[in-house]
Amino acid sequence: ITRNNAANTVSLQMNSLKPEDAAAYSCKANVRATTG
């Protein structure tokens, strides 16, 4: 897992994939917006 703070992005490089890795992958972020 890596991130780019300037761009507000996060990446996940997945190597040597196995059948048990099959899934729906979701991104979560702890964020503060101008709404407060």
PDB file of all heavy atoms in Angstrom:
ATOM      1  N   ILE A   1       0.841  -1.185   0.000  1.00  0.00           N
ATOM      2  CA  ILE A   1       0.000   0.000   0.000  1.00  0.00           C
ATOM      3  C   ILE A   1       0.885   1.246   0.000  1.00  0.00           C
ATOM      4  O   ILE A   1       1.890   1.307   0.709  1.00  0.00           O
ATOM      5  CB  ILE A   1      -0.975   0.001   1.200  1.00  0.00           C
ATOM      6  CG1 ILE A   1      -1.959   1.172   1.098  1.00  0.00           C
ATOM      7  CG2 ILE A   1      -0.227   0.025   2.525  1.00  0.00           C
ATOM      8  CD1 ILE A   1      -3.100   1.105   2.117  1.00  0.00           C
ATOM      9  N   THR A   2       0.525   2.219  -0.818  1.00  0.00           N
ATOM     10  CA  THR A   2       1.245   3.484  -0.894  1.00  0.00           C
ATOM     11  C   THR A   2       0.233   4.621  -0.994  1.00  0.00           C
ATOM     12  O   THR A   2      -0.947   4.402  -1.266  1.00  0.00           O
ATOM     13  CB  THR A   2       2.195   3.540  -2.101  1.00  0.00           C
ATOM     14  OG1 THR A   2       1.451   3.323  -3.310  1.00  0.00           O
ATOM     15  CG2 THR A   2       3.285   2.480  -1.990  1.00  0.00           C
ATOM     16  N   ARG A   3       0.709   5.841  -0.778  1.00  0.00           N
ATOM     17  CA  ARG A   3      -0.179   7.001  -0.908  1.00  0.00           C
ATOM     18  C   ARG A   3       0.576   8.202  -1.446  1.00  0.00           C
ATOM     19  O   ARG A   3       1.805   8.287  -1.338  1.00  0.00           O
ATOM     20  CB  ARG A   3      -0.847   7.341   0.424  1.00  0.00           C
ATOM     21  CG  ARG A   3       0.105   7.827   1.500  1.00  0.00           C
ATOM     22  CD  ARG A   3      -0.632   7.983   2.838  1.00  0.00           C
ATOM     23  NE  ARG A   3      -1.571   9.092   2.829  1.00  0.00           N
ATOM     24  CZ  ARG A   3      -2.538   9.273   3.736  1.00  0.00           C
ATOM     25  NH1 ARG A   3      -2.704   8.379   4.713  1.00  0.00           N
ATOM     26  NH2 ARG A   3      -3.342  10.330   3.655  1.00  0.00           N
ATOM     27  N   ASN A   4      -0.184   9.117  -2.016  1.00  0.00           N
ATOM     28  CA  ASN A   4       0.327  10.383  -2.491  1.00  0.00           C
ATOM     29  C   ASN A   4      -0.480  11.466  -1.791  1.00  0.00           C
ATOM     30  O   ASN A   4      -1.638  11.701  -2.129  1.00  0.00           O
ATOM     31  CB  ASN A   4       0.199  10.482  -4.012  1.00  0.00           C
ATOM     32  CG  ASN A   4       0.791  11.756  -4.573  1.00  0.00           C
ATOM     33  OD1 ASN A   4       0.772  12.805  -3.941  1.00  0.00           O
ATOM     34  ND2 ASN A   4       1.326  11.671  -5.793  1.00  0.00           N
ATOM     35  N   ASN A   5       0.121  12.092  -0.798  1.00  0.00           N
ATOM     36  CA  ASN A   5      -0.609  13.067   0.005  1.00  0.00           C
ATOM     37  C   ASN A   5      -1.004  14.308  -0.788  1.00  0.00           C
ATOM     38  O   ASN A   5      -2.059  14.890  -0.545  1.00  0.00           O
ATOM     39  CB  ASN A   5       0.219  13.468   1.227  1.00  0.00           C
ATOM     40  CG  ASN A   5       0.358  12.345   2.230  1.00  0.00           C
ATOM     41  OD1 ASN A   5      -0.472  11.444   2.294  1.00  0.00           O
ATOM     42  ND2 ASN A   5       1.417  12.397   3.035  1.00  0.00           N
ATOM     43  N   ALA A   6      -0.165  14.714  -1.725  1.00  0.00           N
ATOM     44  CA  ALA A   6      -0.474  15.893  -2.522  1.00  0.00           C
ATOM     45  C   ALA A   6      -1.696  15.672  -3.402  1.00  0.00           C
ATOM     46  O   ALA A   6      -2.464  16.600  -3.660  1.00  0.00           O
ATOM     47  CB  ALA A   6       0.730  16.288  -3.370  1.00  0.00           C
ATOM     48  N   ALA A   7      -1.882  14.436  -3.860  1.00  0.00           N
ATOM     49  CA  ALA A   7      -2.988  14.115  -4.749  1.00  0.00           C
ATOM     50  C   ALA A   7      -4.172  13.489  -4.028  1.00  0.00           C
ATOM     51  O   ALA A   7      -5.198  13.225  -4.660  1.00  0.00           O
ATOM     52  CB  ALA A   7      -2.505  13.188  -5.859  1.00  0.00           C
ATOM     53  N   ASN A   8      -4.039  13.201  -2.740  1.00  0.00           N
ATOM     54  CA  ASN A   8      -5.084  12.525  -1.960  1.00  0.00           C
ATOM     55  C   ASN A   8      -5.476  11.189  -2.588  1.00  0.00           C
ATOM     56  O   ASN A   8      -6.658  10.894  -2.764  1.00  0.00           O
ATOM     57  CB  ASN A   8      -6.306  13.423  -1.781  1.00  0.00           C
ATOM     58  CG  ASN A   8      -6.044  14.598  -0.869  1.00  0.00           C
ATOM     59  OD1 ASN A   8      -5.271  14.493   0.088  1.00  0.00           O
ATOM     60  ND2 ASN A   8      -6.670  15.727  -1.151  1.00  0.00           N
ATOM     61  N   THR A   9      -4.467  10.407  -2.920  1.00  0.00           N
ATOM     62  CA  THR A   9      -4.703   9.094  -3.492  1.00  0.00           C
ATOM     63  C   THR A   9      -4.010   8.015  -2.671  1.00  0.00           C
ATOM     64  O   THR A   9      -3.017   8.274  -1.993  1.00  0.00           O
ATOM     65  CB  THR A   9      -4.209   8.998  -4.941  1.00  0.00           C
ATOM     66  OG1 THR A   9      -2.801   9.259  -4.992  1.00  0.00           O
ATOM     67  CG2 THR A   9      -4.936   9.994  -5.834  1.00  0.00           C
ATOM     68  N   VAL A  10      -4.539   6.811  -2.756  1.00  0.00           N
ATOM     69  CA  VAL A  10      -3.936   5.642  -2.140  1.00  0.00           C
ATOM     70  C   VAL A  10      -4.005   4.504  -3.144  1.00  0.00           C
ATOM     71  O   VAL A  10      -4.986   4.386  -3.880  1.00  0.00           O
ATOM     72  CB  VAL A  10      -4.626   5.271  -0.813  1.00  0.00           C
ATOM     73  CG1 VAL A  10      -6.092   4.904  -1.033  1.00  0.00           C
ATOM     74  CG2 VAL A  10      -3.880   4.134  -0.117  1.00  0.00           C
ATOM     75  N   SER A  11      -2.952   3.687  -3.179  1.00  0.00           N
ATOM     76  CA  SER A  11      -2.872   2.596  -4.134  1.00  0.00           C
ATOM     77  C   SER A  11      -2.585   1.293  -3.416  1.00  0.00           C
ATOM     78  O   SER A  11      -2.052   1.277  -2.312  1.00  0.00           O
ATOM     79  CB  SER A  11      -1.785   2.864  -5.175  1.00  0.00           C
ATOM     80  OG  SER A  11      -2.070   4.027  -5.927  1.00  0.00           O
ATOM     81  N   LEU A  12      -2.939   0.200  -4.063  1.00  0.00           N
ATOM     82  CA  LEU A  12      -2.655  -1.136  -3.552  1.00  0.00           C
ATOM     83  C   LEU A  12      -2.116  -1.974  -4.693  1.00  0.00           C
ATOM     84  O   LEU A  12      -2.851  -2.277  -5.632  1.00  0.00           O
ATOM     85  CB  LEU A  12      -3.911  -1.781  -2.965  1.00  0.00           C
ATOM     86  CG  LEU A  12      -3.710  -3.142  -2.301  1.00  0.00           C
ATOM     87  CD1 LEU A  12      -2.924  -2.983  -0.995  1.00  0.00           C
ATOM     88  CD2 LEU A  12      -5.050  -3.813  -2.032  1.00  0.00           C
ATOM     89  N   GLN A  13      -0.840  -2.325  -4.613  1.00  0.00           N
ATOM     90  CA  GLN A  13      -0.230  -3.208  -5.588  1.00  0.00           C
ATOM     91  C   GLN A  13      -0.356  -4.636  -5.089  1.00  0.00           C
ATOM     92  O   GLN A  13       0.136  -4.965  -4.007  1.00  0.00           O
ATOM     93  CB  GLN A  13       1.237  -2.844  -5.814  1.00  0.00           C
ATOM     94  CG  GLN A  13       1.952  -3.716  -6.832  1.00  0.00           C
ATOM     95  CD  GLN A  13       1.354  -3.604  -8.213  1.00  0.00           C
ATOM     96  OE1 GLN A  13       1.032  -2.507  -8.661  1.00  0.00           O
ATOM     97  NE2 GLN A  13       1.178  -4.730  -8.891  1.00  0.00           N
ATOM     98  N   MET A  14      -1.010  -5.483  -5.870  1.00  0.00           N
ATOM     99  CA  MET A  14      -1.284  -6.861  -5.481  1.00  0.00           C
ATOM    100  C   MET A  14      -0.506  -7.797  -6.391  1.00  0.00           C
ATOM    101  O   MET A  14      -0.775  -7.875  -7.593  1.00  0.00           O
ATOM    102  CB  MET A  14      -2.781  -7.149  -5.563  1.00  0.00           C
ATOM    103  CG  MET A  14      -3.638  -6.182  -4.756  1.00  0.00           C
ATOM    104  SD  MET A  14      -5.400  -6.613  -4.784  1.00  0.00           S
ATOM    105  CE  MET A  14      -5.763  -6.322  -6.518  1.00  0.00           C
ATOM    106  N   ASN A  15       0.450  -8.501  -5.821  1.00  0.00           N
ATOM    107  CA  ASN A  15       1.266  -9.458  -6.554  1.00  0.00           C
ATOM    108  C   ASN A  15       0.978 -10.874  -6.081  1.00  0.00           C
ATOM    109  O   ASN A  15       0.436 -11.092  -5.006  1.00  0.00           O
ATOM    110  CB  ASN A  15       2.751  -9.145  -6.375  1.00  0.00           C
ATOM    111  CG  ASN A  15       3.150  -7.791  -6.906  1.00  0.00           C
ATOM    112  OD1 ASN A  15       2.582  -7.299  -7.875  1.00  0.00           O
ATOM    113  ND2 ASN A  15       4.151  -7.181  -6.270  1.00  0.00           N
ATOM    114  N   SER A  16       1.380 -11.841  -6.896  1.00  0.00           N
ATOM    115  CA  SER A  16       1.209 -13.259  -6.561  1.00  0.00           C
ATOM    116  C   SER A  16      -0.217 -13.555  -6.115  1.00  0.00           C
ATOM    117  O   SER A  16      -0.455 -14.175  -5.080  1.00  0.00           O
ATOM    118  CB  SER A  16       2.209 -13.670  -5.471  1.00  0.00           C
ATOM    119  OG  SER A  16       3.545 -13.438  -5.884  1.00  0.00           O
ATOM    120  N   LEU A  17      -1.164 -13.128  -6.909  1.00  0.00           N
ATOM    121  CA  LEU A  17      -2.570 -13.259  -6.544  1.00  0.00           C
ATOM    122  C   LEU A  17      -2.986 -14.713  -6.397  1.00  0.00           C
ATOM    123  O   LEU A  17      -2.546 -15.586  -7.153  1.00  0.00           O
ATOM    124  CB  LEU A  17      -3.447 -12.569  -7.578  1.00  0.00           C
ATOM    125  CG  LEU A  17      -3.483 -11.039  -7.471  1.00  0.00           C
ATOM    126  CD1 LEU A  17      -4.029 -10.425  -8.741  1.00  0.00           C
ATOM    127  CD2 LEU A  17      -4.325 -10.618  -6.269  1.00  0.00           C
ATOM    128  N   LYS A  18      -3.843 -14.944  -5.418  1.00  0.00           N
ATOM    129  CA  LYS A  18      -4.398 -16.256  -5.137  1.00  0.00           C
ATOM    130  C   LYS A  18      -5.904 -16.222  -5.335  1.00  0.00           C
ATOM    131  O   LYS A  18      -6.525 -15.165  -5.223  1.00  0.00           O
ATOM    132  CB  LYS A  18      -4.089 -16.671  -3.692  1.00  0.00           C
ATOM    133  CG  LYS A  18      -2.617 -16.692  -3.339  1.00  0.00           C
ATOM    134  CD  LYS A  18      -2.416 -17.006  -1.867  1.00  0.00           C
ATOM    135  CE  LYS A  18      -0.949 -17.054  -1.506  1.00  0.00           C
ATOM    136  NZ  LYS A  18      -0.749 -17.356  -0.067  1.00  0.00           N
ATOM    137  N   PRO A  19      -6.523 -17.370  -5.598  1.00  0.00           N
ATOM    138  CA  PRO A  19      -7.979 -17.383  -5.752  1.00  0.00           C
ATOM    139  C   PRO A  19      -8.710 -16.794  -4.553  1.00  0.00           C
ATOM    140  O   PRO A  19      -9.757 -16.153  -4.726  1.00  0.00           O
ATOM    141  CB  PRO A  19      -8.299 -18.871  -5.926  1.00  0.00           C
ATOM    142  CG  PRO A  19      -7.073 -19.430  -6.560  1.00  0.00           C
ATOM    143  CD  PRO A  19      -5.929 -18.685  -5.926  1.00  0.00           C
ATOM    144  N   GLU A  20      -8.186 -16.982  -3.352  1.00  0.00           N
ATOM    145  CA  GLU A  20      -8.833 -16.452  -2.167  1.00  0.00           C
ATOM    146  C   GLU A  20      -8.744 -14.932  -2.050  1.00  0.00           C
ATOM    147  O   GLU A  20      -9.371 -14.341  -1.168  1.00  0.00           O
ATOM    148  CB  GLU A  20      -8.277 -17.104  -0.888  1.00  0.00           C
ATOM    149  CG  GLU A  20      -6.763 -17.042  -0.781  1.00  0.00           C
ATOM    150  CD  GLU A  20      -6.082 -18.316  -1.248  1.00  0.00           C
ATOM    151  OE1 GLU A  20      -6.487 -18.859  -2.294  1.00  0.00           O
ATOM    152  OE2 GLU A  20      -5.140 -18.779  -0.566  1.00  0.00           O
ATOM    153  N   ASP A  21      -7.968 -14.280  -2.924  1.00  0.00           N
ATOM    154  CA  ASP A  21      -7.929 -12.822  -2.963  1.00  0.00           C
ATOM    155  C   ASP A  21      -9.123 -12.229  -3.704  1.00  0.00           C
ATOM    156  O   ASP A  21      -9.326 -11.007  -3.653  1.00  0.00           O
ATOM    157  CB  ASP A  21      -6.643 -12.329  -3.627  1.00  0.00           C
ATOM    158  CG  ASP A  21      -5.396 -12.659  -2.824  1.00  0.00           C
ATOM    159  OD1 ASP A  21      -5.431 -12.542  -1.582  1.00  0.00           O
ATOM    160  OD2 ASP A  21      -4.385 -13.022  -3.454  1.00  0.00           O
ATOM    161  N   ALA A  22      -9.876 -13.040  -4.401  1.00  0.00           N
ATOM    162  CA  ALA A  22     -11.029 -12.551  -5.150  1.00  0.00           C
ATOM    163  C   ALA A  22     -12.055 -11.955  -4.196  1.00  0.00           C
ATOM    164  O   ALA A  22     -12.473 -12.604  -3.237  1.00  0.00           O
ATOM    165  CB  ALA A  22     -11.647 -13.668  -5.975  1.00  0.00           C
ATOM    166  N   ALA A  23     -12.448 -10.719  -4.457  1.00  0.00           N
ATOM    167  CA  ALA A  23     -13.369 -10.015  -3.576  1.00  0.00           C
ATOM    168  C   ALA A  23     -13.686  -8.654  -4.168  1.00  0.00           C
ATOM    169  O   ALA A  23     -13.067  -8.217  -5.139  1.00  0.00           O
ATOM    170  CB  ALA A  23     -12.756  -9.839  -2.179  1.00  0.00           C
ATOM    171  N   ALA A  24     -14.657  -7.991  -3.561  1.00  0.00           N
ATOM    172  CA  ALA A  24     -14.892  -6.584  -3.835  1.00  0.00           C
ATOM    173  C   ALA A  24     -14.000  -5.769  -2.916  1.00  0.00           C
ATOM    174  O   ALA A  24     -14.091  -5.886  -1.690  1.00  0.00           O
ATOM    175  CB  ALA A  24     -16.361  -6.227  -3.625  1.00  0.00           C
ATOM    176  N   TYR A  25     -13.131  -4.963  -3.495  1.00  0.00           N
ATOM    177  CA  TYR A  25     -12.186  -4.153  -2.730  1.00  0.00           C
ATOM    178  C   TYR A  25     -12.696  -2.727  -2.628  1.00  0.00           C
ATOM    179  O   TYR A  25     -13.056  -2.111  -3.636  1.00  0.00           O
ATOM    180  CB  TYR A  25     -10.811  -4.168  -3.400  1.00  0.00           C
ATOM    181  CG  TYR A  25     -10.054  -5.447  -3.185  1.00  0.00           C
ATOM    182  CD1 TYR A  25     -10.436  -6.615  -3.830  1.00  0.00           C
ATOM    183  CD2 TYR A  25      -8.956  -5.494  -2.328  1.00  0.00           C
ATOM    184  CE1 TYR A  25      -9.748  -7.802  -3.617  1.00  0.00           C
ATOM    185  CE2 TYR A  25      -8.258  -6.668  -2.120  1.00  0.00           C
ATOM    186  CZ  TYR A  25      -8.653  -7.823  -2.762  1.00  0.00           C
ATOM    187  OH  TYR A  25      -7.960  -8.992  -2.556  1.00  0.00           O
ATOM    188  N   SER A  26     -12.707  -2.188  -1.403  1.00  0.00           N
ATOM    189  CA  SER A  26     -13.216  -0.855  -1.155  1.00  0.00           C
ATOM    190  C   SER A  26     -12.171  -0.002  -0.459  1.00  0.00           C
ATOM    191  O   SER A  26     -11.416  -0.483   0.387  1.00  0.00           O
ATOM    192  CB  SER A  26     -14.480  -0.895  -0.292  1.00  0.00           C
ATOM    193  OG  SER A  26     -15.521  -1.601  -0.942  1.00  0.00           O
ATOM    194  N   CYS A  27     -12.158   1.257  -0.805  1.00  0.00           N
ATOM    195  CA  CYS A  27     -11.250   2.226  -0.224  1.00  0.00           C
ATOM    196  C   CYS A  27     -11.958   2.989   0.889  1.00  0.00           C
ATOM    197  O   CYS A  27     -13.118   3.386   0.738  1.00  0.00           O
ATOM    198  CB  CYS A  27     -10.776   3.186  -1.322  1.00  0.00           C
ATOM    199  SG  CYS A  27      -9.769   4.569  -0.765  1.00  0.00           S
ATOM    200  N   LYS A  28     -11.271   3.185   2.001  1.00  0.00           N
ATOM    201  CA  LYS A  28     -11.786   3.997   3.096  1.00  0.00           C
ATOM    202  C   LYS A  28     -10.769   5.072   3.451  1.00  0.00           C
ATOM    203  O   LYS A  28      -9.568   4.820   3.461  1.00  0.00           O
ATOM    204  CB  LYS A  28     -12.078   3.140   4.333  1.00  0.00           C
ATOM    205  CG  LYS A  28     -12.727   3.924   5.459  1.00  0.00           C
ATOM    206  CD  LYS A  28     -12.978   3.068   6.686  1.00  0.00           C
ATOM    207  CE  LYS A  28     -11.702   2.859   7.479  1.00  0.00           C
ATOM    208  NZ  LYS A  28     -11.975   2.180   8.786  1.00  0.00           N
ATOM    209  N   ALA A  29     -11.262   6.261   3.747  1.00  0.00           N
ATOM    210  CA  ALA A  29     -10.396   7.358   4.146  1.00  0.00           C
ATOM    211  C   ALA A  29     -11.016   8.132   5.292  1.00  0.00           C
ATOM    212  O   ALA A  29     -12.232   8.382   5.298  1.00  0.00           O
ATOM    213  CB  ALA A  29     -10.123   8.293   2.973  1.00  0.00           C
ATOM    214  N   ASN A  30     -10.189   8.494   6.253  1.00  0.00           N
ATOM    215  CA  ASN A  30     -10.608   9.374   7.328  1.00  0.00           C
ATOM    216  C   ASN A  30     -10.372  10.797   6.852  1.00  0.00           C
ATOM    217  O   ASN A  30      -9.235  11.221   6.668  1.00  0.00           O
ATOM    218  CB  ASN A  30      -9.815   9.060   8.599  1.00  0.00           C
ATOM    219  CG  ASN A  30     -10.307   9.813   9.813  1.00  0.00           C
ATOM    220  OD1 ASN A  30      -9.527  10.451  10.511  1.00  0.00           O
ATOM    221  ND2 ASN A  30     -11.597   9.743  10.090  1.00  0.00           N
ATOM    222  N   VAL A  31     -11.468  11.537   6.632  1.00  0.00           N
ATOM    223  CA  VAL A  31     -11.416  12.803   5.901  1.00  0.00           C
ATOM    224  C   VAL A  31     -12.105  13.913   6.681  1.00  0.00           C
ATOM    225  O   VAL A  31     -13.136  13.698   7.310  1.00  0.00           O
ATOM    226  CB  VAL A  31     -12.094  12.662   4.515  1.00  0.00           C
ATOM    227  CG1 VAL A  31     -11.987  13.958   3.735  1.00  0.00           C
ATOM    228  CG2 VAL A  31     -11.469  11.525   3.727  1.00  0.00           C
ATOM    229  N   ARG A  32     -11.537  15.098   6.599  1.00  0.00           N
ATOM    230  CA  ARG A  32     -12.228  16.290   7.070  1.00  0.00           C
ATOM    231  C   ARG A  32     -12.455  17.220   5.893  1.00  0.00           C
ATOM    232  O   ARG A  32     -11.517  17.616   5.206  1.00  0.00           O
ATOM    233  CB  ARG A  32     -11.444  17.006   8.158  1.00  0.00           C
ATOM    234  CG  ARG A  32     -12.255  18.131   8.795  1.00  0.00           C
ATOM    235  CD  ARG A  32     -11.501  18.857   9.877  1.00  0.00           C
ATOM    236  NE  ARG A  32     -12.339  19.879  10.495  1.00  0.00           N
ATOM    237  CZ  ARG A  32     -11.929  20.762  11.382  1.00  0.00           C
ATOM    238  NH1 ARG A  32     -10.657  20.754  11.780  1.00  0.00           N
ATOM    239  NH2 ARG A  32     -12.772  21.649  11.882  1.00  0.00           N
ATOM    240  N   ALA A  33     -13.709  17.579   5.676  1.00  0.00           N
ATOM    241  CA  ALA A  33     -14.092  18.513   4.637  1.00  0.00           C
ATOM    242  C   ALA A  33     -14.453  19.857   5.269  1.00  0.00           C
ATOM    243  O   ALA A  33     -14.453  20.010   6.493  1.00  0.00           O
ATOM    244  CB  ALA A  33     -15.267  17.967   3.831  1.00  0.00           C
ATOM    245  N   THR A  34     -14.785  20.824   4.419  1.00  0.00           N
ATOM    246  CA  THR A  34     -15.133  22.149   4.923  1.00  0.00           C
ATOM    247  C   THR A  34     -16.455  22.152   5.687  1.00  0.00           C
ATOM    248  O   THR A  34     -16.750  23.133   6.379  1.00  0.00           O
ATOM    249  CB  THR A  34     -15.198  23.167   3.783  1.00  0.00           C
ATOM    250  OG1 THR A  34     -16.097  22.702   2.776  1.00  0.00           O
ATOM    251  CG2 THR A  34     -13.817  23.367   3.169  1.00  0.00           C
ATOM    252  N   THR A  35     -17.233  21.088   5.569  1.00  0.00           N
ATOM    253  CA  THR A  35     -18.458  20.963   6.356  1.00  0.00           C
ATOM    254  C   THR A  35     -18.179  20.780   7.839  1.00  0.00           C
ATOM    255  O   THR A  35     -19.086  20.910   8.649  1.00  0.00           O
ATOM    256  CB  THR A  35     -19.324  19.809   5.837  1.00  0.00           C
ATOM    257  OG1 THR A  35     -18.528  18.623   5.764  1.00  0.00           O
ATOM    258  CG2 THR A  35     -19.884  20.126   4.465  1.00  0.00           C
ATOM    259  N   GLY A  36     -16.954  20.426   8.188  1.00  0.00           N
ATOM    260  CA  GLY A  36     -16.537  20.435   9.575  1.00  0.00           C
ATOM    261  C   GLY A  36     -16.074  19.137  10.191  1.00  0.00           C
ATOM    262  O   GLY A  36     -14.914  19.039  10.613  1.00  0.00           O
TER     263      GLY A  36
END
